[in-house]
Amino acid sequence: MSESSVPWTILTLLRRATEHFREQGIDSPRAAAEILLAHAFGYRRIDLYLRYDQPVESAERDRFRDLVRRRLHREPVAYITGSREFWSMPLAVNPSVLIPRPETECLVEAALAALPESAPSPGRILELGTGSGAAILALAKERPRHRFVATDRSMAALLTARANARRLALDPRVDFLVGDWFAPFRPCGAWDVIVSNPPYIPTSVLADLAPEVAAFEPRQALDGGPDGLSCLRRLVTEAPAHLAAGGVLILEIGADQRRSVADLARKTAAYRHIDFRTDYAGRDRVAILRKEGIPQGEAVVRVSE
């Protein structure tokens, strides 16, 4: 039977796309096919299961094929659809920002543990290098009493984060500033919690990353310098001047960087607690560094390893 005589339906398209993705070594081929087909037709994924036998017009088929070609060229699904879910929030993403990963939810969880809802007064939370705004918006969603500020040196990234805040009706809770790390702020010891998912991949490793990452995601958000610690070193060293007494610096780190980050923190002689959390795969992923002193008006909150 020639392709032109095939009765094209949603199920036919799904099967063909899944087969092509599998043959080319695309991760999660069936899920990728479903997400792209739902996006092409303006459906939810669940709608596809209710419309398996629905005939497909040639224009619809061509629209889907364009998306499939982009994925076969290793463009990430999230960039193709322009969306990624994080912390049960739909976030707009584009090549100016990293695609939010599940492990970054561990960063959010650690920050929430340092921001108890029962705190006697609103805390001040700063995110450095916000990208799409995933982490700071998750925190603002869960802790509406507190005050949030996010920065990024990329204006394109900052505009994406602001748009996400507006879309989620969180913009009244978060202020966005353009700037490189602590550049927009004087060292006034004002912040109760500082969070960041900085670049931490060694430069020499970047070329070996999956094509979806190496060729499409923003290099400046990935490249941590020769040893992967360039940005982490600066954040760990400079944060104490910006943290309030007993304030916490919470960082996403590489799975092999625990000892290096702990050494950096000890050298500052400014942190009295140095803890780490693992991600869902059991790998070291989050560093929690608490500055000397007692948070004003509340007991010490210890984050267990």
C-alpha atoms as a PDB file:
ATOM      1  CA  MET A   1       0.000   0.000   0.000  1.00  0.00           C
ATOM      2  CA  SER A   2       1.459   3.380  -0.986  1.00  0.00           C
ATOM      3  CA  GLU A   3       1.766   6.144   1.615  1.00  0.00           C
ATOM      4  CA  SER A   4      -0.765   8.257  -0.284  1.00  0.00           C
ATOM      5  CA  SER A   5      -3.400   5.551   0.143  1.00  0.00           C
ATOM      6  CA  VAL A   6      -2.826   5.110   3.900  1.00  0.00           C
ATOM      7  CA  PRO A   7      -5.880   6.243   5.884  1.00  0.00           C
ATOM      8  CA  TRP A   8      -4.157   8.881   7.991  1.00  0.00           C
ATOM      9  CA  THR A   9      -5.463   9.103  11.542  1.00  0.00           C
ATOM     10  CA  ILE A  10      -4.067  10.375  14.796  1.00  0.00           C
ATOM     11  CA  LEU A  11      -3.034   6.836  15.731  1.00  0.00           C
ATOM     12  CA  THR A  12      -1.237   6.400  12.391  1.00  0.00           C
ATOM     13  CA  LEU A  13       0.736   9.599  12.938  1.00  0.00           C
ATOM     14  CA  LEU A  14       1.654   8.608  16.467  1.00  0.00           C
ATOM     15  CA  ARG A  15       2.898   5.207  15.387  1.00  0.00           C
ATOM     16  CA  ARG A  16       4.942   6.572  12.475  1.00  0.00           C
ATOM     17  CA  ALA A  17       6.546   9.340  14.547  1.00  0.00           C
ATOM     18  CA  THR A  18       7.307   6.979  17.427  1.00  0.00           C
ATOM     19  CA  GLU A  19       8.986   4.567  15.004  1.00  0.00           C
ATOM     20  CA  HIS A  20      11.124   7.320  13.465  1.00  0.00           C
ATOM     21  CA  PHE A  21      12.180   8.614  16.881  1.00  0.00           C
ATOM     22  CA  ARG A  22      13.067   5.125  18.100  1.00  0.00           C
ATOM     23  CA  GLU A  23      15.139   4.418  14.986  1.00  0.00           C
ATOM     24  CA  GLN A  24      17.110   7.642  15.509  1.00  0.00           C
ATOM     25  CA  GLY A  25      17.742   7.042  19.210  1.00  0.00           C
ATOM     26  CA  ILE A  26      15.478   9.828  20.449  1.00  0.00           C
ATOM     27  CA  ASP A  27      14.727   9.560  24.156  1.00  0.00           C
ATOM     28  CA  SER A  28      11.157   8.652  25.167  1.00  0.00           C
ATOM     29  CA  PRO A  29       9.986   8.291  21.560  1.00  0.00           C
ATOM     30  CA  ARG A  30       6.296   7.684  22.297  1.00  0.00           C
ATOM     31  CA  ALA A  31       6.044  10.554  24.784  1.00  0.00           C
ATOM     32  CA  ALA A  32       7.814  12.913  22.359  1.00  0.00           C
ATOM     33  CA  ALA A  33       5.408  11.936  19.573  1.00  0.00           C
ATOM     34  CA  GLU A  34       2.373  12.488  21.782  1.00  0.00           C
ATOM     35  CA  ILE A  35       3.544  15.864  23.090  1.00  0.00           C
ATOM     36  CA  LEU A  36       4.361  17.156  19.608  1.00  0.00           C
ATOM     37  CA  LEU A  37       1.141  15.884  18.055  1.00  0.00           C
ATOM     38  CA  ALA A  38      -0.956  17.390  20.843  1.00  0.00           C
ATOM     39  CA  HIS A  39       0.905  20.675  20.359  1.00  0.00           C
ATOM     40  CA  ALA A  40       0.440  20.617  16.575  1.00  0.00           C
ATOM     41  CA  PHE A  41      -3.314  20.078  16.915  1.00  0.00           C
ATOM     42  CA  GLY A  42      -3.863  22.264  19.977  1.00  0.00           C
ATOM     43  CA  TYR A  43      -5.011  19.289  22.064  1.00  0.00           C
ATOM     44  CA  ARG A  44      -4.139  17.984  25.482  1.00  0.00           C
ATOM     45  CA  ARG A  45      -2.255  14.677  25.445  1.00  0.00           C
ATOM     46  CA  ILE A  46      -5.268  12.938  26.974  1.00  0.00           C
ATOM     47  CA  ASP A  47      -7.365  14.110  24.015  1.00  0.00           C
ATOM     48  CA  LEU A  48      -5.269  12.008  21.655  1.00  0.00           C
ATOM     49  CA  TYR A  49      -6.497   8.811  23.291  1.00  0.00           C
ATOM     50  CA  LEU A  50     -10.081   9.888  22.694  1.00  0.00           C
ATOM     51  CA  ARG A  51      -9.412  10.720  19.034  1.00  0.00           C
ATOM     52  CA  TYR A  52      -7.253   7.827  17.812  1.00  0.00           C
ATOM     53  CA  ASP A  53      -9.504   7.210  14.792  1.00  0.00           C
ATOM     54  CA  GLN A  54      -9.903  10.870  13.853  1.00  0.00           C
ATOM     55  CA  PRO A  55      -8.943  11.470  10.195  1.00  0.00           C
ATOM     56  CA  VAL A  56      -6.101  13.907   9.643  1.00  0.00           C
ATOM     57  CA  GLU A  57      -6.039  16.475   6.861  1.00  0.00           C
ATOM     58  CA  SER A  58      -2.882  16.954   4.785  1.00  0.00           C
ATOM     59  CA  ALA A  59      -2.237  20.431   6.227  1.00  0.00           C
ATOM     60  CA  GLU A  60      -2.390  19.035   9.765  1.00  0.00           C
ATOM     61  CA  ARG A  61      -0.101  16.189   8.796  1.00  0.00           C
ATOM     62  CA  ASP A  62       2.432  18.596   7.311  1.00  0.00           C
ATOM     63  CA  ARG A  63       2.360  20.752  10.433  1.00  0.00           C
ATOM     64  CA  PHE A  64       3.120  17.729  12.590  1.00  0.00           C
ATOM     65  CA  ARG A  65       5.866  16.527  10.253  1.00  0.00           C
ATOM     66  CA  ASP A  66       7.648  19.869  10.623  1.00  0.00           C
ATOM     67  CA  LEU A  67       7.737  19.381  14.371  1.00  0.00           C
ATOM     68  CA  VAL A  68       8.959  15.806  13.986  1.00  0.00           C
ATOM     69  CA  ARG A  69      11.810  16.965  11.734  1.00  0.00           C
ATOM     70  CA  ARG A  70      12.892  19.492  14.341  1.00  0.00           C
ATOM     71  CA  ARG A  71      12.980  16.804  17.010  1.00  0.00           C
ATOM     72  CA  LEU A  72      14.927  14.482  14.710  1.00  0.00           C
ATOM     73  CA  HIS A  73      17.502  17.274  14.478  1.00  0.00           C
ATOM     74  CA  ARG A  74      17.694  16.991  18.290  1.00  0.00           C
ATOM     75  CA  GLU A  75      15.931  20.229  19.120  1.00  0.00           C
ATOM     76  CA  PRO A  76      14.449  19.710  22.615  1.00  0.00           C
ATOM     77  CA  VAL A  77      10.717  19.088  22.804  1.00  0.00           C
ATOM     78  CA  ALA A  78      10.350  21.959  25.288  1.00  0.00           C
ATOM     79  CA  TYR A  79      11.829  24.459  22.820  1.00  0.00           C
ATOM     80  CA  ILE A  80       9.639  23.141  20.018  1.00  0.00           C
ATOM     81  CA  THR A  81       6.463  23.504  22.058  1.00  0.00           C
ATOM     82  CA  GLY A  82       7.703  26.571  23.939  1.00  0.00           C
ATOM     83  CA  SER A  83       6.610  25.122  27.267  1.00  0.00           C
ATOM     84  CA  ARG A  84       7.813  22.966  30.156  1.00  0.00           C
ATOM     85  CA  GLU A  85       6.082  22.060  33.400  1.00  0.00           C
ATOM     86  CA  PHE A  86       7.944  22.688  36.649  1.00  0.00           C
ATOM     87  CA  TRP A  87       6.515  22.407  40.160  1.00  0.00           C
ATOM     88  CA  SER A  88       3.084  21.849  38.547  1.00  0.00           C
ATOM     89  CA  MET A  89       3.406  25.207  36.762  1.00  0.00           C
ATOM     90  CA  PRO A  90       3.416  25.591  32.965  1.00  0.00           C
ATOM     91  CA  LEU A  91       6.435  27.718  32.088  1.00  0.00           C
ATOM     92  CA  ALA A  92       7.284  29.309  28.763  1.00  0.00           C
ATOM     93  CA  VAL A  93      10.806  28.383  27.663  1.00  0.00           C
ATOM     94  CA  ASN A  94      12.981  29.340  24.702  1.00  0.00           C
ATOM     95  CA  PRO A  95      16.673  29.071  23.740  1.00  0.00           C
ATOM     96  CA  SER A  96      17.547  32.038  25.971  1.00  0.00           C
ATOM     97  CA  VAL A  97      16.876  29.953  29.107  1.00  0.00           C
ATOM     98  CA  LEU A  98      17.728  26.500  30.365  1.00  0.00           C
ATOM     99  CA  ILE A  99      14.909  23.978  30.275  1.00  0.00           C
ATOM    100  CA  PRO A 100      13.900  23.397  33.925  1.00  0.00           C
ATOM    101  CA  ARG A 101      14.930  19.956  35.190  1.00  0.00           C
ATOM    102  CA  PRO A 102      13.259  17.797  37.840  1.00  0.00           C
ATOM    103  CA  GLU A 103      16.402  17.908  39.989  1.00  0.00           C
ATOM    104  CA  THR A 104      16.024  21.674  40.365  1.00  0.00           C
ATOM    105  CA  GLU A 105      12.857  20.947  42.322  1.00  0.00           C
ATOM    106  CA  CYS A 106      15.268  19.692  45.008  1.00  0.00           C
ATOM    107  CA  LEU A 107      16.650  23.233  45.171  1.00  0.00           C
ATOM    108  CA  VAL A 108      13.115  24.529  45.696  1.00  0.00           C
ATOM    109  CA  GLU A 109      12.430  21.946  48.406  1.00  0.00           C
ATOM    110  CA  ALA A 110      15.573  22.963  50.306  1.00  0.00           C
ATOM    111  CA  ALA A 111      14.608  26.637  50.090  1.00  0.00           C
ATOM    112  CA  LEU A 112      11.091  25.913  51.342  1.00  0.00           C
ATOM    113  CA  ALA A 113      12.575  24.078  54.328  1.00  0.00           C
ATOM    114  CA  ALA A 114      14.517  27.255  55.145  1.00  0.00           C
ATOM    115  CA  LEU A 115      11.360  29.379  54.806  1.00  0.00           C
ATOM    116  CA  PRO A 116       8.829  28.012  57.300  1.00  0.00           C
ATOM    117  CA  GLU A 117       5.305  29.313  56.853  1.00  0.00           C
ATOM    118  CA  SER A 118       5.263  30.011  60.582  1.00  0.00           C
ATOM    119  CA  ALA A 119       8.072  32.587  60.358  1.00  0.00           C
ATOM    120  CA  PRO A 120       7.099  35.606  62.509  1.00  0.00           C
ATOM    121  CA  SER A 121       7.878  38.116  59.785  1.00  0.00           C
ATOM    122  CA  PRO A 122       8.236  38.029  55.990  1.00  0.00           C
ATOM    123  CA  GLY A 123      11.634  36.928  54.747  1.00  0.00           C
ATOM    124  CA  ARG A 124      13.632  38.348  51.860  1.00  0.00           C
ATOM    125  CA  ILE A 125      14.556  35.834  49.172  1.00  0.00           C
ATOM    126  CA  LEU A 126      16.907  36.415  46.261  1.00  0.00           C
ATOM    127  CA  GLU A 127      17.499  34.187  43.254  1.00  0.00           C
ATOM    128  CA  LEU A 128      20.607  34.785  41.174  1.00  0.00           C
ATOM    129  CA  GLY A 129      20.533  33.672  37.536  1.00  0.00           C
ATOM    130  CA  THR A 130      16.798  33.046  37.415  1.00  0.00           C
ATOM    131  CA  GLY A 131      16.553  31.932  33.761  1.00  0.00           C
ATOM    132  CA  SER A 132      12.914  31.024  33.107  1.00  0.00           C
ATOM    133  CA  GLY A 133      12.028  31.973  36.680  1.00  0.00           C
ATOM    134  CA  ALA A 134      11.242  28.369  37.593  1.00  0.00           C
ATOM    135  CA  ALA A 135      12.719  28.327  41.100  1.00  0.00           C
ATOM    136  CA  ILE A 136      11.720  31.793  42.294  1.00  0.00           C
ATOM    137  CA  LEU A 137       8.174  31.405  40.964  1.00  0.00           C
ATOM    138  CA  ALA A 138       7.786  28.045  42.698  1.00  0.00           C
ATOM    139  CA  LEU A 139       8.902  29.680  45.939  1.00  0.00           C
ATOM    140  CA  ALA A 140       6.591  32.650  45.466  1.00  0.00           C
ATOM    141  CA  LYS A 141       3.726  30.266  44.796  1.00  0.00           C
ATOM    142  CA  GLU A 142       4.347  28.301  48.001  1.00  0.00           C
ATOM    143  CA  ARG A 143       5.325  31.167  50.328  1.00  0.00           C
ATOM    144  CA  PRO A 144       3.148  34.170  49.412  1.00  0.00           C
ATOM    145  CA  ARG A 145       3.991  36.078  52.634  1.00  0.00           C
ATOM    146  CA  HIS A 146       7.628  36.542  51.712  1.00  0.00           C
ATOM    147  CA  ARG A 147       9.365  39.038  49.427  1.00  0.00           C
ATOM    148  CA  PHE A 148      11.131  37.821  46.301  1.00  0.00           C
ATOM    149  CA  VAL A 149      13.709  39.295  43.946  1.00  0.00           C
ATOM    150  CA  ALA A 150      15.299  37.543  40.960  1.00  0.00           C
ATOM    151  CA  THR A 151      18.175  38.583  38.717  1.00  0.00           C
ATOM    152  CA  ASP A 152      19.770  37.457  35.486  1.00  0.00           C
ATOM    153  CA  ARG A 153      22.504  38.973  33.368  1.00  0.00           C
ATOM    154  CA  SER A 154      20.577  38.018  30.218  1.00  0.00           C
ATOM    155  CA  MET A 155      17.800  40.458  29.403  1.00  0.00           C
ATOM    156  CA  ALA A 156      16.163  37.857  27.140  1.00  0.00           C
ATOM    157  CA  ALA A 157      16.059  35.403  30.032  1.00  0.00           C
ATOM    158  CA  LEU A 158      14.714  38.053  32.382  1.00  0.00           C
ATOM    159  CA  LEU A 159      11.921  38.934  29.961  1.00  0.00           C
ATOM    160  CA  THR A 160      10.998  35.256  29.799  1.00  0.00           C
ATOM    161  CA  ALA A 161      10.877  35.034  33.591  1.00  0.00           C
ATOM    162  CA  ARG A 162       8.765  38.177  33.851  1.00  0.00           C
ATOM    163  CA  ALA A 163       6.331  36.836  31.259  1.00  0.00           C
ATOM    164  CA  ASN A 164       6.033  33.586  33.210  1.00  0.00           C
ATOM    165  CA  ALA A 165       5.351  35.522  36.404  1.00  0.00           C
ATOM    166  CA  ARG A 166       2.563  37.478  34.702  1.00  0.00           C
ATOM    167  CA  ARG A 167       1.067  34.350  33.177  1.00  0.00           C
ATOM    168  CA  LEU A 168       0.958  32.673  36.588  1.00  0.00           C
ATOM    169  CA  ALA A 169      -0.335  35.826  38.324  1.00  0.00           C
ATOM    170  CA  LEU A 170       2.789  35.860  40.500  1.00  0.00           C
ATOM    171  CA  ASP A 171       4.251  39.113  39.192  1.00  0.00           C
ATOM    172  CA  PRO A 172       3.066  41.191  42.197  1.00  0.00           C
ATOM    173  CA  ARG A 173       5.217  38.985  44.454  1.00  0.00           C
ATOM    174  CA  VAL A 174       8.494  38.997  42.485  1.00  0.00           C
ATOM    175  CA  ASP A 175      10.752  41.851  41.375  1.00  0.00           C
ATOM    176  CA  PHE A 176      13.141  41.192  38.479  1.00  0.00           C
ATOM    177  CA  LEU A 177      16.472  42.958  37.990  1.00  0.00           C
ATOM    178  CA  VAL A 178      19.066  42.633  35.257  1.00  0.00           C
ATOM    179  CA  GLY A 179      22.603  42.113  36.499  1.00  0.00           C
ATOM    180  CA  ASP A 180      25.507  39.703  36.905  1.00  0.00           C
ATOM    181  CA  TRP A 181      25.239  37.823  40.219  1.00  0.00           C
ATOM    182  CA  PHE A 182      25.503  40.338  43.094  1.00  0.00           C
ATOM    183  CA  ALA A 183      26.267  43.350  40.870  1.00  0.00           C
ATOM    184  CA  PRO A 184      22.846  45.029  41.367  1.00  0.00           C
ATOM    185  CA  PHE A 185      23.226  45.005  45.180  1.00  0.00           C
ATOM    186  CA  ARG A 186      25.403  46.588  47.826  1.00  0.00           C
ATOM    187  CA  PRO A 187      26.723  44.200  50.505  1.00  0.00           C
ATOM    188  CA  CYS A 188      24.169  45.141  53.164  1.00  0.00           C
ATOM    189  CA  GLY A 189      23.359  41.761  54.748  1.00  0.00           C
ATOM    190  CA  ALA A 190      19.702  42.007  53.776  1.00  0.00           C
ATOM    191  CA  TRP A 191      18.780  38.589  52.393  1.00  0.00           C
ATOM    192  CA  ASP A 192      17.425  35.723  54.468  1.00  0.00           C
ATOM    193  CA  VAL A 193      17.729  33.173  51.663  1.00  0.00           C
ATOM    194  CA  ILE A 194      19.752  33.295  48.453  1.00  0.00           C
ATOM    195  CA  VAL A 195      19.192  30.549  45.890  1.00  0.00           C
ATOM    196  CA  SER A 196      20.907  29.851  42.603  1.00  0.00           C
ATOM    197  CA  ASN A 197      21.303  27.184  39.955  1.00  0.00           C
ATOM    198  CA  PRO A 198      24.549  28.517  38.471  1.00  0.00           C
ATOM    199  CA  PRO A 199      26.590  27.085  35.600  1.00  0.00           C
ATOM    200  CA  TYR A 200      28.606  24.202  37.053  1.00  0.00           C
ATOM    201  CA  ILE A 201      29.675  22.053  34.092  1.00  0.00           C
ATOM    202  CA  PRO A 202      33.426  22.128  33.292  1.00  0.00           C
ATOM    203  CA  THR A 203      34.124  23.744  29.932  1.00  0.00           C
ATOM    204  CA  SER A 204      35.871  20.645  28.603  1.00  0.00           C
ATOM    205  CA  VAL A 205      32.758  18.527  29.212  1.00  0.00           C
ATOM    206  CA  LEU A 206      30.282  20.711  27.328  1.00  0.00           C
ATOM    207  CA  ALA A 207      31.007  19.184  23.914  1.00  0.00           C
ATOM    208  CA  ASP A 208      30.264  15.710  25.279  1.00  0.00           C
ATOM    209  CA  LEU A 209      26.766  16.593  26.485  1.00  0.00           C
ATOM    210  CA  ALA A 210      23.701  15.316  24.654  1.00  0.00           C
ATOM    211  CA  PRO A 211      23.098  17.234  21.396  1.00  0.00           C
ATOM    212  CA  GLU A 212      19.839  18.596  22.829  1.00  0.00           C
ATOM    213  CA  VAL A 213      21.885  20.382  25.496  1.00  0.00           C
ATOM    214  CA  ALA A 214      25.179  21.136  23.747  1.00  0.00           C
ATOM    215  CA  ALA A 215      23.654  22.514  20.547  1.00  0.00           C
ATOM    216  CA  PHE A 216      20.509  24.219  21.808  1.00  0.00           C
ATOM    217  CA  GLU A 217      20.644  25.327  25.437  1.00  0.00           C
ATOM    218  CA  PRO A 218      22.416  28.621  26.322  1.00  0.00           C
ATOM    219  CA  ARG A 219      26.121  27.987  26.878  1.00  0.00           C
ATOM    220  CA  GLN A 220      26.464  30.824  29.379  1.00  0.00           C
ATOM    221  CA  ALA A 221      23.981  29.045  31.635  1.00  0.00           C
ATOM    222  CA  LEU A 222      25.991  25.792  31.484  1.00  0.00           C
ATOM    223  CA  ASP A 223      29.696  26.691  31.381  1.00  0.00           C
ATOM    224  CA  GLY A 224      31.186  26.654  34.865  1.00  0.00           C
ATOM    225  CA  GLY A 225      34.730  27.364  33.716  1.00  0.00           C
ATOM    226  CA  PRO A 226      37.760  25.042  33.592  1.00  0.00           C
ATOM    227  CA  ASP A 227      36.901  23.204  36.815  1.00  0.00           C
ATOM    228  CA  GLY A 228      33.150  23.807  36.812  1.00  0.00           C
ATOM    229  CA  LEU A 229      33.474  25.908  39.960  1.00  0.00           C
ATOM    230  CA  SER A 230      33.968  29.437  38.596  1.00  0.00           C
ATOM    231  CA  CYS A 231      30.453  30.641  39.394  1.00  0.00           C
ATOM    232  CA  LEU A 232      30.045  28.506  42.514  1.00  0.00           C
ATOM    233  CA  ARG A 233      33.304  29.902  43.884  1.00  0.00           C
ATOM    234  CA  ARG A 234      32.121  33.464  43.401  1.00  0.00           C
ATOM    235  CA  LEU A 235      28.696  32.839  44.934  1.00  0.00           C
ATOM    236  CA  VAL A 236      30.037  31.016  47.997  1.00  0.00           C
ATOM    237  CA  THR A 237      32.661  33.714  48.568  1.00  0.00           C
ATOM    238  CA  GLU A 238      30.484  36.784  48.030  1.00  0.00           C
ATOM    239  CA  ALA A 239      27.188  35.628  49.560  1.00  0.00           C
ATOM    240  CA  PRO A 240      28.069  36.206  53.254  1.00  0.00           C
ATOM    241  CA  ALA A 241      28.267  39.962  52.714  1.00  0.00           C
ATOM    242  CA  HIS A 242      24.713  39.902  51.369  1.00  0.00           C
ATOM    243  CA  LEU A 243      23.133  37.402  53.770  1.00  0.00           C
ATOM    244  CA  ALA A 244      21.476  38.423  57.025  1.00  0.00           C
ATOM    245  CA  ALA A 245      22.699  36.801  60.246  1.00  0.00           C
ATOM    246  CA  GLY A 246      21.746  33.131  60.078  1.00  0.00           C
ATOM    247  CA  GLY A 247      20.778  33.526  56.418  1.00  0.00           C
ATOM    248  CA  VAL A 248      21.105  30.612  54.000  1.00  0.00           C
ATOM    249  CA  LEU A 249      22.788  30.217  50.629  1.00  0.00           C
ATOM    250  CA  ILE A 250      21.250  27.323  48.670  1.00  0.00           C
ATOM    251  CA  LEU A 251      22.972  26.174  45.476  1.00  0.00           C
ATOM    252  CA  GLU A 252      22.402  23.507  42.880  1.00  0.00           C
ATOM    253  CA  ILE A 253      25.713  21.725  42.257  1.00  0.00           C
ATOM    254  CA  GLY A 254      27.174  18.973  40.123  1.00  0.00           C
ATOM    255  CA  ALA A 255      27.008  15.426  41.453  1.00  0.00           C
ATOM    256  CA  ASP A 256      30.790  15.327  41.991  1.00  0.00           C
ATOM    257  CA  GLN A 257      31.204  18.801  43.502  1.00  0.00           C
ATOM    258  CA  ARG A 258      30.186  18.249  47.119  1.00  0.00           C
ATOM    259  CA  ARG A 259      33.716  18.165  48.547  1.00  0.00           C
ATOM    260  CA  SER A 260      34.868  21.156  46.488  1.00  0.00           C
ATOM    261  CA  VAL A 261      31.895  23.281  47.540  1.00  0.00           C
ATOM    262  CA  ALA A 262      32.341  22.287  51.182  1.00  0.00           C
ATOM    263  CA  ASP A 263      36.006  23.301  50.985  1.00  0.00           C
ATOM    264  CA  LEU A 264      35.083  26.651  49.456  1.00  0.00           C
ATOM    265  CA  ALA A 265      32.547  27.277  52.217  1.00  0.00           C
ATOM    266  CA  ARG A 266      35.020  26.408  54.985  1.00  0.00           C
ATOM    267  CA  LYS A 267      37.635  28.749  53.544  1.00  0.00           C
ATOM    268  CA  THR A 268      35.306  31.725  53.902  1.00  0.00           C
ATOM    269  CA  ALA A 269      34.966  31.056  57.657  1.00  0.00           C
ATOM    270  CA  ALA A 270      31.510  32.635  57.355  1.00  0.00           C
ATOM    271  CA  TYR A 271      29.201  29.598  57.424  1.00  0.00           C
ATOM    272  CA  ARG A 272      28.348  27.699  60.585  1.00  0.00           C
ATOM    273  CA  HIS A 273      26.374  24.899  58.929  1.00  0.00           C
ATOM    274  CA  ILE A 274      27.344  23.191  55.655  1.00  0.00           C
ATOM    275  CA  ASP A 275      24.831  20.603  54.502  1.00  0.00           C
ATOM    276  CA  PHE A 276      23.940  18.798  51.297  1.00  0.00           C
ATOM    277  CA  ARG A 277      20.884  17.159  49.775  1.00  0.00           C
ATOM    278  CA  THR A 278      20.673  14.505  47.119  1.00  0.00           C
ATOM    279  CA  ASP A 279      18.395  14.529  44.100  1.00  0.00           C
ATOM    280  CA  TYR A 280      15.793  11.894  43.244  1.00  0.00           C
ATOM    281  CA  ALA A 281      18.508   9.645  41.826  1.00  0.00           C
ATOM    282  CA  GLY A 282      20.526   9.784  45.045  1.00  0.00           C
ATOM    283  CA  ARG A 283      23.243  12.090  43.662  1.00  0.00           C
ATOM    284  CA  ASP A 284      24.567  15.111  45.540  1.00  0.00           C
ATOM    285  CA  ARG A 285      22.657  18.034  44.083  1.00  0.00           C
ATOM    286  CA  VAL A 286      22.031  20.858  46.574  1.00  0.00           C
ATOM    287  CA  ALA A 287      24.391  22.680  48.943  1.00  0.00           C
ATOM    288  CA  ILE A 288      22.875  24.471  51.968  1.00  0.00           C
ATOM    289  CA  LEU A 289      25.264  26.950  53.587  1.00  0.00           C
ATOM    290  CA  ARG A 290      24.051  28.832  56.661  1.00  0.00           C
ATOM    291  CA  LYS A 291      25.816  32.022  57.697  1.00  0.00           C
ATOM    292  CA  GLU A 292      26.978  32.596  61.248  1.00  0.00           C
ATOM    293  CA  GLY A 293      24.398  34.183  63.559  1.00  0.00           C
ATOM    294  CA  ILE A 294      20.785  33.599  64.566  1.00  0.00           C
ATOM    295  CA  PRO A 295      17.952  34.677  62.245  1.00  0.00           C
ATOM    296  CA  GLN A 296      16.237  37.654  63.837  1.00  0.00           C
ATOM    297  CA  GLY A 297      13.102  36.714  65.720  1.00  0.00           C
ATOM    298  CA  GLU A 298      13.209  32.963  65.090  1.00  0.00           C
ATOM    299  CA  ALA A 299      14.984  29.791  66.081  1.00  0.00           C
ATOM    300  CA  VAL A 300      17.694  28.224  63.968  1.00  0.00           C
ATOM    301  CA  VAL A 301      16.331  26.065  61.155  1.00  0.00           C
ATOM    302  CA  ARG A 302      18.639  23.117  60.483  1.00  0.00           C
ATOM    303  CA  VAL A 303      18.456  21.414  57.130  1.00  0.00           C
ATOM    304  CA  SER A 304      19.499  17.791  57.515  1.00  0.00           C
ATOM    305  CA  GLU A 305      21.821  16.127  55.048  1.00  0.00           C
END
